[in-house]
PDB file of all heavy atoms in Angstrom:
ATOM      1  N   GLY A   1     -39.577  27.834  48.911  1.00  0.00           N
ATOM      2  CA  GLY A   1     -40.251  29.108  48.979  1.00  0.00           C
ATOM      3  C   GLY A   1     -41.221  29.295  47.865  1.00  0.00           C
ATOM      4  O   GLY A   1     -41.143  28.736  46.795  1.00  0.00           O
ATOM      5  N   HIS A   2     -42.206  30.179  48.254  1.00  0.00           N
ATOM      6  CA  HIS A   2     -43.255  30.471  47.216  1.00  0.00           C
ATOM      7  C   HIS A   2     -42.721  31.073  45.963  1.00  0.00           C
ATOM      8  O   HIS A   2     -43.166  30.762  44.840  1.00  0.00           O
ATOM      9  CB  HIS A   2     -44.293  31.366  47.897  1.00  0.00           C
ATOM     10  CG  HIS A   2     -45.445  31.774  46.990  1.00  0.00           C
ATOM     11  ND1 HIS A   2     -46.336  30.822  46.527  1.00  0.00           N
ATOM     12  CD2 HIS A   2     -45.839  32.955  46.491  1.00  0.00           C
ATOM     13  CE1 HIS A   2     -47.199  31.425  45.777  1.00  0.00           C
ATOM     14  NE2 HIS A   2     -46.948  32.737  45.675  1.00  0.00           N
ATOM     15  N   HIS A   3     -41.751  31.997  46.150  1.00  0.00           N
ATOM     16  CA  HIS A   3     -41.151  32.585  44.947  1.00  0.00           C
ATOM     17  C   HIS A   3     -40.464  31.606  44.056  1.00  0.00           C
ATOM     18  O   HIS A   3     -40.499  31.729  42.844  1.00  0.00           O
ATOM     19  CB  HIS A   3     -40.179  33.756  45.360  1.00  0.00           C
ATOM     20  CG  HIS A   3     -40.957  34.948  45.945  1.00  0.00           C
ATOM     21  ND1 HIS A   3     -41.824  35.694  45.257  1.00  0.00           N
ATOM     22  CD2 HIS A   3     -40.806  35.545  47.159  1.00  0.00           C
ATOM     23  CE1 HIS A   3     -42.310  36.666  45.980  1.00  0.00           C
ATOM     24  NE2 HIS A   3     -41.671  36.572  47.153  1.00  0.00           N
ATOM     25  N   LYS A   4     -39.852  30.633  44.638  1.00  0.00           N
ATOM     26  CA  LYS A   4     -39.065  29.631  43.953  1.00  0.00           C
ATOM     27  C   LYS A   4     -40.055  28.815  43.070  1.00  0.00           C
ATOM     28  O   LYS A   4     -39.779  28.497  41.898  1.00  0.00           O
ATOM     29  CB  LYS A   4     -38.270  28.732  44.832  1.00  0.00           C
ATOM     30  CG  LYS A   4     -37.383  27.719  44.097  1.00  0.00           C
ATOM     31  CD  LYS A   4     -36.486  26.954  45.057  1.00  0.00           C
ATOM     32  CE  LYS A   4     -35.378  27.821  45.551  1.00  0.00           C
ATOM     33  NZ  LYS A   4     -34.370  27.048  46.355  1.00  0.00           N
ATOM     34  N   LEU A   5     -41.194  28.446  43.616  1.00  0.00           N
ATOM     35  CA  LEU A   5     -42.214  27.733  42.883  1.00  0.00           C
ATOM     36  C   LEU A   5     -42.734  28.533  41.738  1.00  0.00           C
ATOM     37  O   LEU A   5     -42.937  27.995  40.654  1.00  0.00           O
ATOM     38  CB  LEU A   5     -43.364  27.318  43.854  1.00  0.00           C
ATOM     39  CG  LEU A   5     -43.007  26.205  44.896  1.00  0.00           C
ATOM     40  CD1 LEU A   5     -44.253  26.031  45.778  1.00  0.00           C
ATOM     41  CD2 LEU A   5     -42.672  24.899  44.204  1.00  0.00           C
ATOM     42  N   GLU A   6     -42.971  29.780  41.973  1.00  0.00           N
ATOM     43  CA  GLU A   6     -43.383  30.708  40.964  1.00  0.00           C
ATOM     44  C   GLU A   6     -42.348  30.742  39.785  1.00  0.00           C
ATOM     45  O   GLU A   6     -42.745  30.776  38.594  1.00  0.00           O
ATOM     46  CB  GLU A   6     -43.694  32.142  41.458  1.00  0.00           C
ATOM     47  CG  GLU A   6     -44.902  32.185  42.348  1.00  0.00           C
ATOM     48  CD  GLU A   6     -45.152  33.599  42.816  1.00  0.00           C
ATOM     49  OE1 GLU A   6     -44.200  34.457  42.693  1.00  0.00           O
ATOM     50  OE2 GLU A   6     -46.243  33.860  43.323  1.00  0.00           O
ATOM     51  N   ARG A   7     -41.128  30.865  40.144  1.00  0.00           N
ATOM     52  CA  ARG A   7     -40.079  30.911  39.131  1.00  0.00           C
ATOM     53  C   ARG A   7     -39.948  29.623  38.359  1.00  0.00           C
ATOM     54  O   ARG A   7     -39.761  29.649  37.089  1.00  0.00           O
ATOM     55  CB  ARG A   7     -38.752  31.283  39.802  1.00  0.00           C
ATOM     56  CG  ARG A   7     -38.716  32.663  40.318  1.00  0.00           C
ATOM     57  CD  ARG A   7     -37.431  33.052  40.984  1.00  0.00           C
ATOM     58  NE  ARG A   7     -37.420  34.443  41.443  1.00  0.00           N
ATOM     59  CZ  ARG A   7     -36.370  35.037  42.032  1.00  0.00           C
ATOM     60  NH1 ARG A   7     -35.250  34.382  42.229  1.00  0.00           N
ATOM     61  NH2 ARG A   7     -36.502  36.266  42.398  1.00  0.00           N
ATOM     62  N   PHE A   8     -40.096  28.522  38.997  1.00  0.00           N
ATOM     63  CA  PHE A   8     -40.022  27.233  38.277  1.00  0.00           C
ATOM     64  C   PHE A   8     -41.232  27.152  37.296  1.00  0.00           C
ATOM     65  O   PHE A   8     -41.053  26.692  36.150  1.00  0.00           O
ATOM     66  CB  PHE A   8     -40.202  26.061  39.274  1.00  0.00           C
ATOM     67  CG  PHE A   8     -38.944  25.763  40.021  1.00  0.00           C
ATOM     68  CD1 PHE A   8     -38.963  25.145  41.286  1.00  0.00           C
ATOM     69  CD2 PHE A   8     -37.662  26.172  39.671  1.00  0.00           C
ATOM     70  CE1 PHE A   8     -37.882  24.865  42.043  1.00  0.00           C
ATOM     71  CE2 PHE A   8     -36.507  25.900  40.363  1.00  0.00           C
ATOM     72  CZ  PHE A   8     -36.622  25.267  41.570  1.00  0.00           C
ATOM     73  N   ALA A   9     -42.345  27.683  37.685  1.00  0.00           N
ATOM     74  CA  ALA A   9     -43.494  27.628  36.749  1.00  0.00           C
ATOM     75  C   ALA A   9     -43.273  28.561  35.542  1.00  0.00           C
ATOM     76  O   ALA A   9     -43.574  28.226  34.397  1.00  0.00           O
ATOM     77  CB  ALA A   9     -44.772  28.022  37.513  1.00  0.00           C
ATOM     78  N   GLU A  10     -42.742  29.747  35.883  1.00  0.00           N
ATOM     79  CA  GLU A  10     -42.457  30.713  34.773  1.00  0.00           C
ATOM     80  C   GLU A  10     -41.353  30.228  33.841  1.00  0.00           C
ATOM     81  O   GLU A  10     -41.404  30.551  32.646  1.00  0.00           O
ATOM     82  CB  GLU A  10     -42.140  32.060  35.348  1.00  0.00           C
ATOM     83  CG  GLU A  10     -42.226  33.212  34.332  1.00  0.00           C
ATOM     84  CD  GLU A  10     -42.054  34.590  34.941  1.00  0.00           C
ATOM     85  OE1 GLU A  10     -41.791  34.703  36.123  1.00  0.00           O
ATOM     86  OE2 GLU A  10     -42.228  35.576  34.188  1.00  0.00           O
ATOM     87  N   ASN A  11     -40.397  29.528  34.379  1.00  0.00           N
ATOM     88  CA  ASN A  11     -39.329  28.939  33.567  1.00  0.00           C
ATOM     89  C   ASN A  11     -39.914  28.118  32.395  1.00  0.00           C
ATOM     90  O   ASN A  11     -39.336  28.100  31.289  1.00  0.00           O
ATOM     91  CB  ASN A  11     -38.378  28.069  34.395  1.00  0.00           C
ATOM     92  CG  ASN A  11     -37.414  28.910  35.159  1.00  0.00           C
ATOM     93  OD1 ASN A  11     -37.235  30.103  34.906  1.00  0.00           O
ATOM     94  ND2 ASN A  11     -36.674  28.283  36.067  1.00  0.00           N
ATOM     95  N   LEU A  12     -40.961  27.452  32.640  1.00  0.00           N
ATOM     96  CA  LEU A  12     -41.553  26.564  31.618  1.00  0.00           C
ATOM     97  C   LEU A  12     -42.131  27.398  30.506  1.00  0.00           C
ATOM     98  O   LEU A  12     -42.402  26.804  29.340  1.00  0.00           O
ATOM     99  CB  LEU A  12     -42.697  25.695  32.278  1.00  0.00           C
ATOM    100  CG  LEU A  12     -42.232  24.759  33.364  1.00  0.00           C
ATOM    101  CD1 LEU A  12     -43.480  24.039  33.920  1.00  0.00           C
ATOM    102  CD2 LEU A  12     -41.264  23.715  32.745  1.00  0.00           C
ATOM    103  N   THR A  13     -42.307  28.679  30.643  1.00  0.00           N
ATOM    104  CA  THR A  13     -42.862  29.507  29.560  1.00  0.00           C
ATOM    105  C   THR A  13     -41.838  30.203  28.776  1.00  0.00           C
ATOM    106  O   THR A  13     -42.117  30.784  27.717  1.00  0.00           O
ATOM    107  CB  THR A  13     -43.865  30.563  30.208  1.00  0.00           C
ATOM    108  OG1 THR A  13     -43.072  31.541  30.886  1.00  0.00           O
ATOM    109  CG2 THR A  13     -44.808  29.973  31.154  1.00  0.00           C
ATOM    110  N   PHE A  14     -40.579  30.165  29.202  1.00  0.00           N
ATOM    111  CA  PHE A  14     -39.554  30.931  28.504  1.00  0.00           C
ATOM    112  C   PHE A  14     -39.025  30.135  27.300  1.00  0.00           C
ATOM    113  O   PHE A  14     -38.553  29.002  27.394  1.00  0.00           O
ATOM    114  CB  PHE A  14     -38.327  31.186  29.426  1.00  0.00           C
ATOM    115  CG  PHE A  14     -38.601  32.070  30.619  1.00  0.00           C
ATOM    116  CD1 PHE A  14     -38.002  31.870  31.835  1.00  0.00           C
ATOM    117  CD2 PHE A  14     -39.519  33.148  30.409  1.00  0.00           C
ATOM    118  CE1 PHE A  14     -38.251  32.764  32.866  1.00  0.00           C
ATOM    119  CE2 PHE A  14     -39.790  33.954  31.451  1.00  0.00           C
ATOM    120  CZ  PHE A  14     -39.126  33.817  32.711  1.00  0.00           C
ATOM    121  N   PRO A  15     -39.119  30.716  26.088  1.00  0.00           N
ATOM    122  CA  PRO A  15     -38.611  29.974  24.895  1.00  0.00           C
ATOM    123  C   PRO A  15     -37.142  29.916  24.777  1.00  0.00           C
ATOM    124  O   PRO A  15     -36.619  29.129  24.038  1.00  0.00           O
ATOM    125  CB  PRO A  15     -39.198  30.818  23.739  1.00  0.00           C
ATOM    126  CG  PRO A  15     -39.333  32.241  24.319  1.00  0.00           C
ATOM    127  CD  PRO A  15     -39.695  32.045  25.738  1.00  0.00           C
ATOM    128  N   ASN A  16     -36.431  30.673  25.576  1.00  0.00           N
ATOM    129  CA  ASN A  16     -34.975  30.650  25.599  1.00  0.00           C
ATOM    130  C   ASN A  16     -34.297  29.811  26.707  1.00  0.00           C
ATOM    131  O   ASN A  16     -33.102  29.845  26.859  1.00  0.00           O
ATOM    132  CB  ASN A  16     -34.446  32.136  25.666  1.00  0.00           C
ATOM    133  CG  ASN A  16     -34.753  32.808  27.014  1.00  0.00           C
ATOM    134  OD1 ASN A  16     -35.538  32.245  27.788  1.00  0.00           O
ATOM    135  ND2 ASN A  16     -34.320  34.024  27.204  1.00  0.00           N
ATOM    136  N   LEU A  17     -35.155  29.104  27.454  1.00  0.00           N
ATOM    137  CA  LEU A  17     -34.645  28.188  28.525  1.00  0.00           C
ATOM    138  C   LEU A  17     -34.954  26.742  28.214  1.00  0.00           C
ATOM    139  O   LEU A  17     -36.104  26.404  28.073  1.00  0.00           O
ATOM    140  CB  LEU A  17     -35.224  28.678  29.854  1.00  0.00           C
ATOM    141  CG  LEU A  17     -34.903  27.794  31.102  1.00  0.00           C
ATOM    142  CD1 LEU A  17     -33.387  27.652  31.287  1.00  0.00           C
ATOM    143  CD2 LEU A  17     -35.566  28.361  32.331  1.00  0.00           C
ATOM    144  N   PHE A  18     -33.945  25.975  28.186  1.00  0.00           N
ATOM    145  CA  PHE A  18     -34.124  24.519  27.847  1.00  0.00           C
ATOM    146  C   PHE A  18     -33.872  23.692  29.081  1.00  0.00           C
ATOM    147  O   PHE A  18     -32.826  23.729  29.694  1.00  0.00           O
ATOM    148  CB  PHE A  18     -33.211  24.136  26.686  1.00  0.00           C
ATOM    149  CG  PHE A  18     -33.489  24.910  25.416  1.00  0.00           C
ATOM    150  CD1 PHE A  18     -32.777  26.045  25.128  1.00  0.00           C
ATOM    151  CD2 PHE A  18     -34.446  24.472  24.585  1.00  0.00           C
ATOM    152  CE1 PHE A  18     -33.052  26.770  24.027  1.00  0.00           C
ATOM    153  CE2 PHE A  18     -34.776  25.134  23.345  1.00  0.00           C
ATOM    154  CZ  PHE A  18     -33.998  26.313  23.132  1.00  0.00           C
ATOM    155  N   GLN A  19     -34.872  22.842  29.469  1.00  0.00           N
ATOM    156  CA  GLN A  19     -34.733  21.950  30.546  1.00  0.00           C
ATOM    157  C   GLN A  19     -35.178  20.557  30.038  1.00  0.00           C
ATOM    158  O   GLN A  19     -36.330  20.326  29.742  1.00  0.00           O
ATOM    159  CB  GLN A  19     -35.713  22.375  31.682  1.00  0.00           C
ATOM    160  CG  GLN A  19     -35.467  23.832  32.138  1.00  0.00           C
ATOM    161  CD  GLN A  19     -36.470  24.194  33.245  1.00  0.00           C
ATOM    162  OE1 GLN A  19     -36.178  23.972  34.413  1.00  0.00           O
ATOM    163  NE2 GLN A  19     -37.626  24.745  32.880  1.00  0.00           N
ATOM    164  N   VAL A  20     -34.220  19.680  29.993  1.00  0.00           N
ATOM    165  CA  VAL A  20     -34.411  18.357  29.403  1.00  0.00           C
ATOM    166  C   VAL A  20     -34.027  17.268  30.403  1.00  0.00           C
ATOM    167  O   VAL A  20     -32.925  17.271  30.898  1.00  0.00           O
ATOM    168  CB  VAL A  20     -33.592  18.168  28.097  1.00  0.00           C
ATOM    169  CG1 VAL A  20     -34.031  16.827  27.452  1.00  0.00           C
ATOM    170  CG2 VAL A  20     -33.872  19.373  27.138  1.00  0.00           C
ATOM    171  N   SER A  21     -34.943  16.375  30.695  1.00  0.00           N
ATOM    172  CA  SER A  21     -34.637  15.358  31.686  1.00  0.00           C
ATOM    173  C   SER A  21     -33.698  14.332  31.118  1.00  0.00           C
ATOM    174  O   SER A  21     -33.487  14.234  29.915  1.00  0.00           O
ATOM    175  CB  SER A  21     -35.975  14.640  32.053  1.00  0.00           C
ATOM    176  OG  SER A  21     -36.417  13.899  30.967  1.00  0.00           O
ATOM    177  N   PHE A  22     -33.047  13.609  32.018  1.00  0.00           N
ATOM    178  CA  PHE A  22     -32.092  12.599  31.613  1.00  0.00           C
ATOM    179  C   PHE A  22     -32.790  11.506  30.781  1.00  0.00           C
ATOM    180  O   PHE A  22     -32.236  11.054  29.781  1.00  0.00           O
ATOM    181  CB  PHE A  22     -31.472  11.925  32.874  1.00  0.00           C
ATOM    182  CG  PHE A  22     -30.528  10.813  32.489  1.00  0.00           C
ATOM    183  CD1 PHE A  22     -29.272  11.101  32.012  1.00  0.00           C
ATOM    184  CD2 PHE A  22     -30.909   9.476  32.651  1.00  0.00           C
ATOM    185  CE1 PHE A  22     -28.384  10.046  31.663  1.00  0.00           C
ATOM    186  CE2 PHE A  22     -30.085   8.456  32.321  1.00  0.00           C
ATOM    187  CZ  PHE A  22     -28.790   8.728  31.875  1.00  0.00           C
ATOM    188  N   GLU A  23     -34.021  11.196  31.125  1.00  0.00           N
ATOM    189  CA  GLU A  23     -34.765  10.162  30.347  1.00  0.00           C
ATOM    190  C   GLU A  23     -34.969  10.664  28.937  1.00  0.00           C
ATOM    191  O   GLU A  23     -34.905   9.853  27.981  1.00  0.00           O
ATOM    192  CB  GLU A  23     -36.087   9.963  31.074  1.00  0.00           C
ATOM    193  CG  GLU A  23     -36.011   9.137  32.410  1.00  0.00           C
ATOM    194  CD  GLU A  23     -35.469  10.042  33.504  1.00  0.00           C
ATOM    195  OE1 GLU A  23     -35.509  11.278  33.385  1.00  0.00           O
ATOM    196  OE2 GLU A  23     -35.010   9.505  34.527  1.00  0.00           O
ATOM    197  N   MET A  24     -35.341  11.924  28.779  1.00  0.00           N
ATOM    198  CA  MET A  24     -35.575  12.468  27.420  1.00  0.00           C
ATOM    199  C   MET A  24     -34.310  12.477  26.628  1.00  0.00           C
ATOM    200  O   MET A  24     -34.355  12.202  25.425  1.00  0.00           O
ATOM    201  CB  MET A  24     -36.231  13.861  27.510  1.00  0.00           C
ATOM    202  CG  MET A  24     -37.655  13.836  28.069  1.00  0.00           C
ATOM    203  SD  MET A  24     -38.320  15.562  28.264  1.00  0.00           S
ATOM    204  CE  MET A  24     -38.351  16.063  26.573  1.00  0.00           C
ATOM    205  N   LEU A  25     -33.200  12.901  27.241  1.00  0.00           N
ATOM    206  CA  LEU A  25     -31.950  12.886  26.565  1.00  0.00           C
ATOM    207  C   LEU A  25     -31.557  11.415  26.092  1.00  0.00           C
ATOM    208  O   LEU A  25     -31.017  11.292  24.945  1.00  0.00           O
ATOM    209  CB  LEU A  25     -30.841  13.396  27.467  1.00  0.00           C
ATOM    210  CG  LEU A  25     -30.804  14.886  27.729  1.00  0.00           C
ATOM    211  CD1 LEU A  25     -29.686  15.243  28.754  1.00  0.00           C
ATOM    212  CD2 LEU A  25     -30.600  15.719  26.432  1.00  0.00           C
ATOM    213  N   LYS A  26     -31.862  10.458  26.964  1.00  0.00           N
ATOM    214  CA  LYS A  26     -31.445   9.087  26.596  1.00  0.00           C
ATOM    215  C   LYS A  26     -32.348   8.546  25.459  1.00  0.00           C
ATOM    216  O   LYS A  26     -31.812   7.827  24.579  1.00  0.00           O
ATOM    217  CB  LYS A  26     -31.663   8.218  27.860  1.00  0.00           C
ATOM    218  CG  LYS A  26     -31.132   6.815  27.652  1.00  0.00           C
ATOM    219  CD  LYS A  26     -31.246   6.031  29.036  1.00  0.00           C
ATOM    220  CE  LYS A  26     -30.674   4.680  28.890  1.00  0.00           C
ATOM    221  NZ  LYS A  26     -30.783   3.870  30.113  1.00  0.00           N
ATOM    222  N   GLU A  27     -33.590   8.999  25.446  1.00  0.00           N
ATOM    223  CA  GLU A  27     -34.519   8.456  24.435  1.00  0.00           C
ATOM    224  C   GLU A  27     -34.415   9.134  23.089  1.00  0.00           C
ATOM    225  O   GLU A  27     -34.304   8.441  22.076  1.00  0.00           O
ATOM    226  CB  GLU A  27     -35.975   8.633  24.967  1.00  0.00           C
ATOM    227  CG  GLU A  27     -36.321   7.747  26.119  1.00  0.00           C
ATOM    228  CD  GLU A  27     -37.729   7.985  26.658  1.00  0.00           C
ATOM    229  OE1 GLU A  27     -38.468   8.729  26.019  1.00  0.00           O
ATOM    230  OE2 GLU A  27     -38.058   7.428  27.681  1.00  0.00           O
ATOM    231  N   GLY A  28     -34.379  10.490  23.080  1.00  0.00           N
ATOM    232  CA  GLY A  28     -34.361  11.080  21.797  1.00  0.00           C
ATOM    233  C   GLY A  28     -33.263  12.157  21.642  1.00  0.00           C
ATOM    234  O   GLY A  28     -33.062  12.663  20.532  1.00  0.00           O
ATOM    235  N   GLY A  29     -32.457  12.379  22.655  1.00  0.00           N
ATOM    236  CA  GLY A  29     -31.400  13.415  22.517  1.00  0.00           C
ATOM    237  C   GLY A  29     -31.975  14.782  22.543  1.00  0.00           C
ATOM    238  O   GLY A  29     -33.201  15.031  22.481  1.00  0.00           O
ATOM    239  N   PHE A  30     -31.099  15.761  22.628  1.00  0.00           N
ATOM    240  CA  PHE A  30     -31.513  17.165  22.623  1.00  0.00           C
ATOM    241  C   PHE A  30     -31.662  17.695  21.182  1.00  0.00           C
ATOM    242  O   PHE A  30     -30.761  17.527  20.347  1.00  0.00           O
ATOM    243  CB  PHE A  30     -30.473  17.978  23.343  1.00  0.00           C
ATOM    244  CG  PHE A  30     -30.770  19.493  23.403  1.00  0.00           C
ATOM    245  CD1 PHE A  30     -31.978  19.930  23.989  1.00  0.00           C
ATOM    246  CD2 PHE A  30     -29.942  20.340  22.876  1.00  0.00           C
ATOM    247  CE1 PHE A  30     -32.252  21.328  24.034  1.00  0.00           C
ATOM    248  CE2 PHE A  30     -30.190  21.736  22.880  1.00  0.00           C
ATOM    249  CZ  PHE A  30     -31.322  22.186  23.522  1.00  0.00           C
ATOM    250  N   GLU A  31     -32.786  18.256  20.926  1.00  0.00           N
ATOM    251  CA  GLU A  31     -33.103  18.706  19.529  1.00  0.00           C
ATOM    252  C   GLU A  31     -32.146  19.579  18.861  1.00  0.00           C
ATOM    253  O   GLU A  31     -31.932  19.535  17.660  1.00  0.00           O
ATOM    254  CB  GLU A  31     -34.516  19.302  19.445  1.00  0.00           C
ATOM    255  CG  GLU A  31     -34.662  20.558  20.277  1.00  0.00           C
ATOM    256  CD  GLU A  31     -36.100  21.141  20.187  1.00  0.00           C
ATOM    257  OE1 GLU A  31     -36.620  21.197  19.040  1.00  0.00           O
ATOM    258  OE2 GLU A  31     -36.573  21.555  21.161  1.00  0.00           O
ATOM    259  N   TYR A  32     -31.481  20.480  19.606  1.00  0.00           N
ATOM    260  CA  TYR A  32     -30.562  21.403  19.024  1.00  0.00           C
ATOM    261  C   TYR A  32     -29.096  21.002  19.107  1.00  0.00           C
ATOM    262  O   TYR A  32     -28.248  21.830  18.717  1.00  0.00           O
ATOM    263  CB  TYR A  32     -30.765  22.805  19.628  1.00  0.00           C
ATOM    264  CG  TYR A  32     -32.101  23.460  19.183  1.00  0.00           C
ATOM    265  CD1 TYR A  32     -33.103  23.713  20.092  1.00  0.00           C
ATOM    266  CD2 TYR A  32     -32.339  23.770  17.859  1.00  0.00           C
ATOM    267  CE1 TYR A  32     -34.313  24.221  19.735  1.00  0.00           C
ATOM    268  CE2 TYR A  32     -33.587  24.255  17.449  1.00  0.00           C
ATOM    269  CZ  TYR A  32     -34.551  24.553  18.393  1.00  0.00           C
ATOM    270  OH  TYR A  32     -35.746  25.101  18.004  1.00  0.00           O
ATOM    271  N   ARG A  33     -28.811  19.855  19.611  1.00  0.00           N
ATOM    272  CA  ARG A  33     -27.427  19.436  19.721  1.00  0.00           C
ATOM    273  C   ARG A  33     -26.866  19.330  18.248  1.00  0.00           C
ATOM    274  O   ARG A  33     -27.429  18.583  17.374  1.00  0.00           O
ATOM    275  CB  ARG A  33     -27.306  18.068  20.400  1.00  0.00           C
ATOM    276  CG  ARG A  33     -25.859  17.571  20.508  1.00  0.00           C
ATOM    277  CD  ARG A  33     -25.734  16.256  21.198  1.00  0.00           C
ATOM    278  NE  ARG A  33     -24.420  15.819  21.446  1.00  0.00           N
ATOM    279  CZ  ARG A  33     -23.610  15.213  20.513  1.00  0.00           C
ATOM    280  NH1 ARG A  33     -24.166  14.861  19.354  1.00  0.00           N
ATOM    281  NH2 ARG A  33     -22.361  14.865  20.803  1.00  0.00           N
ATOM    282  N   GLY A  34     -25.820  20.102  17.942  1.00  0.00           N
ATOM    283  CA  GLY A  34     -25.275  20.133  16.558  1.00  0.00           C
ATOM    284  C   GLY A  34     -26.086  21.001  15.703  1.00  0.00           C
ATOM    285  O   GLY A  34     -25.701  21.137  14.503  1.00  0.00           O
ATOM    286  N   ARG A  35     -27.103  21.630  16.171  1.00  0.00           N
ATOM    287  CA  ARG A  35     -28.082  22.382  15.354  1.00  0.00           C
ATOM    288  C   ARG A  35     -28.412  23.691  16.039  1.00  0.00           C
ATOM    289  O   ARG A  35     -29.506  24.317  15.838  1.00  0.00           O
ATOM    290  CB  ARG A  35     -29.321  21.657  14.963  1.00  0.00           C
ATOM    291  CG  ARG A  35     -29.119  20.398  14.231  1.00  0.00           C
ATOM    292  CD  ARG A  35     -30.448  19.594  13.983  1.00  0.00           C
ATOM    293  NE  ARG A  35     -31.468  20.444  13.488  1.00  0.00           N
ATOM    294  CZ  ARG A  35     -32.590  20.743  14.257  1.00  0.00           C
ATOM    295  NH1 ARG A  35     -32.709  20.247  15.480  1.00  0.00           N
ATOM    296  NH2 ARG A  35     -33.538  21.579  13.744  1.00  0.00           N
ATOM    297  N   TRP A  36     -27.556  24.270  16.899  1.00  0.00           N
ATOM    298  CA  TRP A  36     -27.788  25.523  17.543  1.00  0.00           C
ATOM    299  C   TRP A  36     -28.035  26.630  16.545  1.00  0.00           C
ATOM    300  O   TRP A  36     -28.654  27.688  16.794  1.00  0.00           O
ATOM    301  CB  TRP A  36     -26.766  25.859  18.605  1.00  0.00           C
ATOM    302  CG  TRP A  36     -27.001  25.133  19.909  1.00  0.00           C
ATOM    303  CD1 TRP A  36     -26.332  24.005  20.345  1.00  0.00           C
ATOM    304  CD2 TRP A  36     -27.883  25.508  20.914  1.00  0.00           C
ATOM    305  NE1 TRP A  36     -26.851  23.598  21.527  1.00  0.00           N
ATOM    306  CE2 TRP A  36     -27.787  24.547  21.984  1.00  0.00           C
ATOM    307  CE3 TRP A  36     -28.789  26.606  21.111  1.00  0.00           C
ATOM    308  CZ2 TRP A  36     -28.539  24.659  23.131  1.00  0.00           C
ATOM    309  CZ3 TRP A  36     -29.566  26.653  22.250  1.00  0.00           C
ATOM    310  CH2 TRP A  36     -29.381  25.693  23.303  1.00  0.00           C
ATOM    311  N   SER A  37     -27.330  26.515  15.403  1.00  0.00           N
ATOM    312  CA  SER A  37     -27.502  27.537  14.343  1.00  0.00           C
ATOM    313  C   SER A  37     -28.977  27.617  13.903  1.00  0.00           C
ATOM    314  O   SER A  37     -29.443  28.708  13.499  1.00  0.00           O
ATOM    315  CB  SER A  37     -26.590  27.259  13.197  1.00  0.00           C
ATOM    316  OG  SER A  37     -26.917  25.937  12.614  1.00  0.00           O
ATOM    317  N   ASP A  38     -29.686  26.550  13.978  1.00  0.00           N
ATOM    318  CA  ASP A  38     -31.147  26.518  13.646  1.00  0.00           C
ATOM    319  C   ASP A  38     -31.890  27.381  14.709  1.00  0.00           C
ATOM    320  O   ASP A  38     -32.825  28.113  14.367  1.00  0.00           O
ATOM    321  CB  ASP A  38     -31.663  25.125  13.527  1.00  0.00           C
ATOM    322  CG  ASP A  38     -31.145  24.319  12.418  1.00  0.00           C
ATOM    323  OD1 ASP A  38     -30.565  25.003  11.500  1.00  0.00           O
ATOM    324  OD2 ASP A  38     -31.297  23.096  12.305  1.00  0.00           O
ATOM    325  N   TYR A  39     -31.507  27.179  15.947  1.00  0.00           N
ATOM    326  CA  TYR A  39     -32.313  27.885  17.005  1.00  0.00           C
ATOM    327  C   TYR A  39     -31.986  29.358  16.911  1.00  0.00           C
ATOM    328  O   TYR A  39     -32.959  30.187  16.989  1.00  0.00           O
ATOM    329  CB  TYR A  39     -31.797  27.401  18.371  1.00  0.00           C
ATOM    330  CG  TYR A  39     -32.314  28.326  19.512  1.00  0.00           C
ATOM    331  CD1 TYR A  39     -33.653  28.217  19.922  1.00  0.00           C
ATOM    332  CD2 TYR A  39     -31.476  29.252  20.104  1.00  0.00           C
ATOM    333  CE1 TYR A  39     -34.146  29.069  20.914  1.00  0.00           C
ATOM    334  CE2 TYR A  39     -31.976  30.108  21.059  1.00  0.00           C
ATOM    335  CZ  TYR A  39     -33.267  30.036  21.444  1.00  0.00           C
ATOM    336  OH  TYR A  39     -33.767  30.847  22.466  1.00  0.00           O
ATOM    337  N   PHE A  40     -30.747  29.757  16.732  1.00  0.00           N
ATOM    338  CA  PHE A  40     -30.384  31.199  16.664  1.00  0.00           C
ATOM    339  C   PHE A  40     -30.702  31.796  15.312  1.00  0.00           C
ATOM    340  O   PHE A  40     -30.829  32.995  15.242  1.00  0.00           O
ATOM    341  CB  PHE A  40     -28.936  31.404  17.070  1.00  0.00           C
ATOM    342  CG  PHE A  40     -28.587  31.228  18.472  1.00  0.00           C
ATOM    343  CD1 PHE A  40     -27.828  30.140  18.921  1.00  0.00           C
ATOM    344  CD2 PHE A  40     -29.092  32.132  19.424  1.00  0.00           C
ATOM    345  CE1 PHE A  40     -27.586  30.010  20.207  1.00  0.00           C
ATOM    346  CE2 PHE A  40     -28.799  31.991  20.778  1.00  0.00           C
ATOM    347  CZ  PHE A  40     -28.024  30.864  21.233  1.00  0.00           C
TER     348      PHE A  40
END
């Protein structure tokens, strides 16, 4: 649906939503793992 595509695009602009691919997790890991206190 058109609305779903719009939402996917807007998701990329949200600073509070983290979407990390499996490849990125495997290569460098998630930046806030063990450091969520830094984010908050």
